[in-house]
Amino acid sequence: MKKRILLLVLFAALAVFAMLLSAAKGSVDIPLGEVIGILGGAQGGANAQILWNIRLPRTIVAALVGINLSLSGAILQAILRNPLADPHIIGISSGAGLAGIFIMLMLPGAAWLITPAAFGGAMLAALLIYILAWRDGIRPTRIILAGVAVSAFLGAGISAMMILYSDRVHSALMWMVGGLSARSWPHVEMLLPYTIAAGLLALAAAQRLNILQLGDDMARGIGLAVERTRILLTAVAALLAASAVSVVGLLGFVGLIVPHAARLMIGADYRFLLPAAALLGIAVVTLSDTAARLLFAPLELPVGIIMAVVGAPFFLYLLRRQL
């Protein structure tokens, strides 16, 4: 218990450091001491304007996205009992992406519809995966294969829409690979309520996630309504993923890497794993975004490219362990 609490404190410290570093580094470097002073109310002139209007909202969006995708991945890995599960890999993010792209291209003036539409797309994708994978119950391998197929199908839909409406596609290109460029306070306001609501629901369900790890038969014997719990938790995971996708686009591998890394360090008790994954998610996404801004400065890479470079080898490593 003490070791887990200590690890949570270390993860929290890493998350705070990553956010401060993200706020300090960029085309104009702001010393960490000055960043802390400005956040504490000190007057900082031009640096204060850069921090409050550009760096801080972007950093907060990165942190919220890290929380959402990490919690979503942890929940999916629990309800499917498969460490390869991830909202991007199994197609939930693609469902959210197709719905989001549809709103962006067809109804560009209705940005407020992107999040509910992305949630609907994510839920439809999850339902389709369940239907395709169901055969005398759910098996992890079938979920992964069905998810890959659904993701490919929905990805084809996204590509078709971008070709058909190529005159409007510029705004959707960064969204396709996942990027945090030009994210501001309205994006924080859009994302924060979903993070709080779905995050609290996820933390409240930690004990149920632990029970699901015992197997369906034993969980039913304890008194858990397994299928209803699985459906409700899938909805929570879809809401977390869809809200993140609606703001930053199709950012992959966060939900795969972070929960698995947290599990290796803190164990499989979801009462500790969920907050650990959330804190690690903050650190991973904010540090990746900082790297994306600095590696080829003044050119800025989408953070999705950094996550893919890190995430793809990690996924192959997990695949070799599982199969």
Protein backbone atom coordinates (compact mmCIF):
# COMPACT_ATOMS: atom_id res chain seq x y z
CA MET A 1 0.00 0.00 0.00
CA LYS A 2 2.74 2.48 0.99
CA LYS A 3 4.71 1.68 -2.17
CA ARG A 4 1.65 2.34 -4.34
CA ILE A 5 0.92 5.64 -2.62
CA LEU A 6 4.56 6.67 -3.04
CA LEU A 7 4.39 5.79 -6.74
CA LEU A 8 1.23 7.89 -7.12
CA VAL A 9 3.04 10.83 -5.50
CA LEU A 10 5.97 10.34 -7.90
CA PHE A 11 3.60 10.17 -10.89
CA ALA A 12 1.90 13.37 -9.70
CA ALA A 13 5.27 15.11 -9.39
CA LEU A 14 6.21 13.93 -12.90
CA ALA A 15 2.89 15.23 -14.27
CA VAL A 16 3.42 18.65 -12.65
CA PHE A 17 7.01 18.82 -13.95
CA ALA A 18 5.89 17.85 -17.47
CA MET A 19 3.20 20.56 -17.46
CA LEU A 20 5.64 23.21 -16.22
CA LEU A 21 8.19 22.17 -18.86
CA SER A 22 5.52 22.32 -21.56
CA ALA A 23 4.56 25.82 -20.42
CA ALA A 24 8.20 26.96 -20.31
CA LYS A 25 9.57 25.60 -23.59
CA GLY A 26 8.82 26.79 -27.10
CA SER A 27 9.95 29.34 -29.66
CA VAL A 28 10.42 31.69 -26.70
CA ASP A 29 11.86 30.00 -23.62
CA ILE A 30 10.45 31.15 -20.28
CA PRO A 31 12.50 30.19 -17.20
CA LEU A 32 10.69 27.72 -14.92
CA GLY A 33 10.98 30.14 -12.02
CA GLU A 34 9.28 32.86 -14.04
CA VAL A 35 6.53 30.45 -15.12
CA ILE A 36 5.82 29.61 -11.48
CA GLY A 37 5.90 33.30 -10.58
CA ILE A 38 3.46 34.27 -13.36
CA LEU A 39 1.10 31.45 -12.35
CA GLY A 40 1.34 32.77 -8.79
CA GLY A 41 0.18 36.21 -9.89
CA ALA A 42 3.43 38.03 -10.71
CA GLN A 43 3.49 40.47 -13.62
CA GLY A 44 5.54 39.09 -16.52
CA GLY A 45 4.95 41.38 -19.49
CA ALA A 46 5.21 39.66 -22.87
CA ASN A 47 6.09 36.33 -21.28
CA ALA A 48 2.92 36.45 -19.21
CA GLN A 49 0.85 37.01 -22.36
CA ILE A 50 2.55 34.07 -24.08
CA LEU A 51 1.97 31.86 -21.05
CA TRP A 52 -1.68 32.72 -20.38
CA ASN A 53 -2.89 32.98 -23.97
CA ILE A 54 -0.85 30.30 -25.79
CA ARG A 55 1.16 27.92 -23.62
CA LEU A 56 -1.11 27.30 -20.63
CA PRO A 57 -4.34 26.41 -22.48
CA ARG A 58 -2.40 24.13 -24.82
CA THR A 59 -0.72 22.42 -21.85
CA ILE A 60 -4.05 21.96 -20.04
CA VAL A 61 -5.64 20.48 -23.18
CA ALA A 62 -2.69 18.07 -23.50
CA ALA A 63 -3.13 17.04 -19.84
CA LEU A 64 -6.89 16.50 -20.19
CA VAL A 65 -6.40 14.47 -23.37
CA GLY A 66 -3.76 12.37 -21.62
CA ILE A 67 -6.18 11.68 -18.76
CA ASN A 68 -9.08 10.80 -21.06
CA LEU A 69 -7.22 8.47 -23.40
CA SER A 70 -5.32 6.75 -20.59
CA LEU A 71 -8.48 6.09 -18.57
CA SER A 72 -10.30 4.93 -21.69
CA GLY A 73 -7.54 2.46 -22.52
CA ALA A 74 -7.35 1.19 -18.93
CA ILE A 75 -11.12 0.58 -18.84
CA LEU A 76 -11.13 -1.22 -22.19
CA GLN A 77 -8.19 -3.41 -21.14
CA ALA A 78 -10.12 -4.33 -17.98
CA ILE A 79 -13.50 -5.13 -19.51
CA LEU A 80 -11.89 -7.11 -22.35
CA ARG A 81 -9.16 -8.60 -20.12
CA ASN A 82 -6.67 -7.84 -22.87
CA PRO A 83 -3.63 -5.52 -22.56
CA LEU A 84 -3.74 -4.95 -26.35
CA ALA A 85 -7.09 -3.14 -26.10
CA ASP A 86 -6.98 0.57 -26.86
CA PRO A 87 -9.63 2.98 -28.22
CA HIS A 88 -7.48 3.71 -31.29
CA ILE A 89 -6.51 0.12 -32.13
CA ILE A 90 -9.93 -1.48 -31.66
CA GLY A 91 -11.76 1.14 -33.70
CA ILE A 92 -13.59 3.30 -31.14
CA SER A 93 -11.46 6.35 -31.97
CA SER A 94 -12.05 5.76 -35.68
CA GLY A 95 -15.81 5.83 -35.09
CA ALA A 96 -15.43 9.10 -33.21
CA GLY A 97 -13.12 10.37 -35.95
CA LEU A 98 -15.53 9.61 -38.79
CA ALA A 99 -18.37 11.41 -36.99
CA GLY A 100 -16.11 14.35 -36.16
CA ILE A 101 -14.82 14.64 -39.73
CA PHE A 102 -18.41 14.54 -41.00
CA ILE A 103 -19.35 17.51 -38.80
CA MET A 104 -16.17 19.42 -39.67
CA LEU A 105 -16.65 19.01 -43.42
CA MET A 106 -20.44 19.10 -43.73
CA LEU A 107 -21.38 21.49 -40.89
CA PRO A 108 -18.30 23.69 -40.32
CA GLY A 109 -20.32 26.25 -38.37
CA ALA A 110 -21.57 23.71 -35.81
CA ALA A 111 -18.38 22.99 -33.87
CA TRP A 112 -20.42 22.36 -30.70
CA LEU A 113 -21.82 19.22 -32.37
CA ILE A 114 -18.41 17.58 -32.77
CA THR A 115 -18.21 16.08 -29.26
CA PRO A 116 -21.74 14.57 -29.12
CA ALA A 117 -21.36 13.34 -32.70
CA ALA A 118 -17.97 11.83 -31.88
CA PHE A 119 -19.49 10.10 -28.86
CA GLY A 120 -22.28 8.67 -31.03
CA GLY A 121 -19.73 7.47 -33.58
CA ALA A 122 -17.60 5.88 -30.87
CA MET A 123 -20.60 4.05 -29.39
CA LEU A 124 -21.73 2.78 -32.80
CA ALA A 125 -18.21 1.54 -33.49
CA ALA A 126 -18.12 -0.23 -30.09
CA LEU A 127 -21.52 -1.82 -30.78
CA LEU A 128 -20.39 -3.01 -34.19
CA ILE A 129 -17.22 -4.52 -32.72
CA TYR A 130 -19.26 -6.35 -30.08
CA ILE A 131 -21.63 -7.74 -32.70
CA LEU A 132 -18.81 -8.92 -34.96
CA ALA A 133 -16.81 -10.42 -32.10
CA TRP A 134 -19.72 -12.20 -30.39
CA ARG A 135 -19.75 -15.95 -30.83
CA ASP A 136 -20.74 -17.85 -27.72
CA GLY A 137 -19.24 -15.01 -25.73
CA ILE A 138 -16.43 -12.50 -26.17
CA ARG A 139 -12.82 -13.55 -26.64
CA PRO A 140 -9.94 -11.05 -26.58
CA THR A 141 -8.44 -12.16 -29.91
CA ARG A 142 -11.77 -11.76 -31.69
CA ILE A 143 -12.21 -8.29 -30.19
CA ILE A 144 -8.82 -7.20 -31.51
CA LEU A 145 -9.43 -8.66 -34.98
CA ALA A 146 -12.95 -7.22 -35.18
CA GLY A 147 -11.61 -3.86 -34.00
CA VAL A 148 -8.86 -3.82 -36.62
CA ALA A 149 -11.44 -4.60 -39.32
CA VAL A 150 -13.86 -1.92 -38.10
CA SER A 151 -11.03 0.60 -37.79
CA ALA A 152 -9.95 -0.10 -41.38
CA PHE A 153 -13.54 0.21 -42.62
CA LEU A 154 -14.13 3.51 -40.80
CA GLY A 155 -10.71 4.77 -41.90
CA ALA A 156 -11.77 4.16 -45.50
CA GLY A 157 -14.88 6.25 -44.81
CA ILE A 158 -12.76 9.09 -43.47
CA SER A 159 -10.49 8.96 -46.53
CA ALA A 160 -13.50 8.95 -48.88
CA MET A 161 -14.99 12.02 -47.21
CA MET A 162 -11.70 13.90 -47.41
CA ILE A 163 -11.41 13.11 -51.13
CA LEU A 164 -15.03 14.04 -51.88
CA TYR A 165 -14.71 17.34 -50.01
CA SER A 166 -11.08 18.11 -50.80
CA ASP A 167 -11.80 21.85 -50.95
CA ARG A 168 -12.58 21.84 -47.20
CA VAL A 169 -10.00 19.33 -46.08
CA HIS A 170 -7.21 21.60 -44.83
CA SER A 171 -8.64 21.96 -41.32
CA ALA A 172 -9.05 18.19 -41.05
CA LEU A 173 -5.47 17.20 -41.94
CA MET A 174 -3.92 17.99 -38.53
CA TRP A 175 -6.98 16.47 -36.90
CA MET A 176 -6.29 13.18 -38.68
CA VAL A 177 -2.89 12.63 -37.05
CA GLY A 178 -3.65 14.27 -33.73
CA GLY A 179 -2.31 17.71 -32.98
CA LEU A 180 -2.41 20.33 -30.24
CA SER A 181 -1.48 23.34 -32.36
CA ALA A 182 -3.58 26.46 -31.70
CA ARG A 183 -5.54 24.85 -28.88
CA SER A 184 -6.90 27.58 -26.59
CA TRP A 185 -9.22 28.23 -23.66
CA PRO A 186 -12.46 27.37 -25.55
CA HIS A 187 -11.01 23.88 -26.13
CA VAL A 188 -10.29 23.57 -22.41
CA GLU A 189 -13.89 24.54 -21.66
CA MET A 190 -15.13 22.02 -24.21
CA LEU A 191 -13.08 19.14 -22.83
CA LEU A 192 -13.05 19.73 -19.07
CA PRO A 193 -16.69 18.76 -18.25
CA TYR A 194 -16.30 15.40 -20.04
CA THR A 195 -13.01 14.71 -18.28
CA ILE A 196 -14.49 15.44 -14.85
CA ALA A 197 -17.76 13.54 -15.36
CA ALA A 198 -16.41 10.45 -17.12
CA GLY A 199 -13.25 10.43 -15.00
CA LEU A 200 -15.28 10.34 -11.77
CA LEU A 201 -17.47 7.56 -13.19
CA ALA A 202 -14.36 5.57 -14.09
CA LEU A 203 -12.83 5.99 -10.62
CA ALA A 204 -16.15 5.04 -8.99
CA ALA A 205 -16.18 1.82 -11.05
CA ALA A 206 -12.68 0.73 -9.98
CA GLN A 207 -13.95 -2.06 -7.73
CA ARG A 208 -16.20 -3.41 -10.51
CA LEU A 209 -13.22 -3.44 -12.85
CA ASN A 210 -11.31 -5.48 -10.25
CA ILE A 211 -14.17 -7.96 -10.06
CA LEU A 212 -14.24 -8.33 -13.86
CA GLN A 213 -10.60 -9.49 -13.73
CA LEU A 214 -11.76 -12.60 -11.87
CA GLY A 215 -13.61 -13.90 -14.94
CA ASP A 216 -17.24 -13.69 -15.97
CA ASP A 217 -18.41 -16.76 -14.05
CA MET A 218 -16.88 -15.71 -10.74
CA ALA A 219 -18.03 -12.11 -11.24
CA ARG A 220 -21.61 -13.36 -11.72
CA GLY A 221 -21.23 -15.54 -8.63
CA ILE A 222 -20.26 -12.46 -6.59
CA GLY A 223 -23.40 -10.75 -7.86
CA LEU A 224 -22.08 -8.46 -10.60
CA ALA A 225 -24.29 -7.95 -13.66
CA VAL A 226 -21.41 -8.64 -16.04
CA GLU A 227 -22.84 -7.70 -19.43
CA ARG A 228 -24.63 -4.60 -18.15
CA THR A 229 -21.45 -3.47 -16.36
CA ARG A 230 -19.39 -4.12 -19.48
CA ILE A 231 -21.79 -2.09 -21.65
CA LEU A 232 -21.92 0.84 -19.21
CA LEU A 233 -18.14 0.91 -18.82
CA THR A 234 -17.73 0.72 -22.59
CA ALA A 235 -19.93 3.82 -22.79
CA VAL A 236 -17.69 5.60 -20.25
CA ALA A 237 -14.57 4.59 -22.20
CA ALA A 238 -16.18 5.74 -25.45
CA LEU A 239 -17.10 9.11 -23.92
CA LEU A 240 -13.54 9.63 -22.69
CA ALA A 241 -12.06 8.71 -26.07
CA ALA A 242 -14.64 10.64 -28.08
CA SER A 243 -14.18 13.86 -26.10
CA ALA A 244 -10.40 13.67 -26.59
CA VAL A 245 -10.73 12.88 -30.30
CA SER A 246 -13.18 15.75 -30.81
CA VAL A 247 -10.58 18.26 -29.58
CA VAL A 248 -7.20 16.94 -30.79
CA GLY A 249 -8.09 14.39 -33.46
CA LEU A 250 -6.98 10.79 -33.87
CA LEU A 251 -4.17 10.60 -31.32
CA GLY A 252 -3.18 6.95 -31.12
CA PHE A 253 -1.36 4.64 -28.70
CA VAL A 254 -1.80 6.75 -25.53
CA GLY A 255 -4.50 4.39 -24.29
CA LEU A 256 -2.24 1.41 -25.00
CA ILE A 257 1.12 2.54 -23.65
CA VAL A 258 0.15 4.41 -20.50
CA PRO A 259 -2.17 1.90 -18.75
CA HIS A 260 0.22 -0.95 -19.47
CA ALA A 261 3.21 0.99 -18.14
CA ALA A 262 1.23 1.95 -15.04
CA ARG A 263 0.18 -1.67 -14.52
CA LEU A 264 3.80 -2.86 -14.69
CA MET A 265 4.78 -0.40 -11.95
CA ILE A 266 1.78 -0.19 -9.64
CA GLY A 267 -0.02 -3.50 -10.17
CA ALA A 268 -3.47 -4.50 -11.44
CA ASP A 269 -5.62 -3.07 -8.63
CA TYR A 270 -7.77 -0.54 -10.47
CA ARG A 271 -8.22 1.59 -7.35
CA PHE A 272 -4.58 2.59 -7.84
CA LEU A 273 -4.14 1.81 -11.54
CA LEU A 274 -6.73 4.34 -12.77
CA PRO A 275 -5.26 7.40 -10.98
CA ALA A 276 -1.74 6.20 -11.89
CA ALA A 277 -2.72 5.93 -15.57
CA ALA A 278 -4.32 9.39 -15.47
CA LEU A 279 -1.20 10.99 -13.99
CA LEU A 280 1.13 9.14 -16.38
CA GLY A 281 -1.14 10.15 -19.26
CA ILE A 282 -0.65 13.80 -18.34
CA ALA A 283 3.12 13.37 -18.33
CA VAL A 284 3.33 11.35 -21.56
CA VAL A 285 1.13 13.62 -23.70
CA THR A 286 2.57 16.90 -22.41
CA LEU A 287 6.16 15.69 -22.78
CA SER A 288 5.39 14.33 -26.27
CA ASP A 289 3.86 17.66 -27.26
CA THR A 290 6.91 19.51 -25.93
CA ALA A 291 9.16 17.19 -27.97
CA ALA A 292 6.98 17.73 -31.06
CA ARG A 293 7.49 21.49 -30.72
CA LEU A 294 11.23 21.41 -30.04
CA LEU A 295 12.74 18.55 -32.07
CA PHE A 296 12.54 20.29 -35.46
CA ALA A 297 11.99 23.89 -34.36
CA PRO A 298 10.79 26.18 -35.84
CA LEU A 299 8.84 23.42 -37.63
CA GLU A 300 6.25 21.88 -35.33
CA LEU A 301 5.29 18.21 -35.68
CA PRO A 302 1.82 16.95 -34.75
CA VAL A 303 2.04 15.18 -31.40
CA GLY A 304 0.38 12.14 -33.00
CA ILE A 305 3.57 11.48 -34.97
CA ILE A 306 5.65 11.36 -31.77
CA MET A 307 3.13 9.03 -30.13
CA ALA A 308 3.13 6.74 -33.18
CA VAL A 309 6.93 6.54 -33.20
CA VAL A 310 6.89 5.52 -29.53
CA GLY A 311 3.67 3.51 -29.54
CA ALA A 312 4.06 1.27 -32.58
CA PRO A 313 7.17 -0.58 -31.28
CA PHE A 314 5.53 -0.92 -27.86
CA PHE A 315 2.43 -2.46 -29.46
CA LEU A 316 4.58 -4.97 -31.37
CA TYR A 317 6.32 -5.86 -28.10
CA LEU A 318 2.96 -6.54 -26.43
CA LEU A 319 1.79 -8.49 -29.47
CA ARG A 320 4.80 -10.82 -29.28
CA ARG A 321 4.14 -11.39 -25.58
CA GLN A 322 0.46 -12.16 -26.09
CA LEU A 323 0.52 -14.43 -29.17
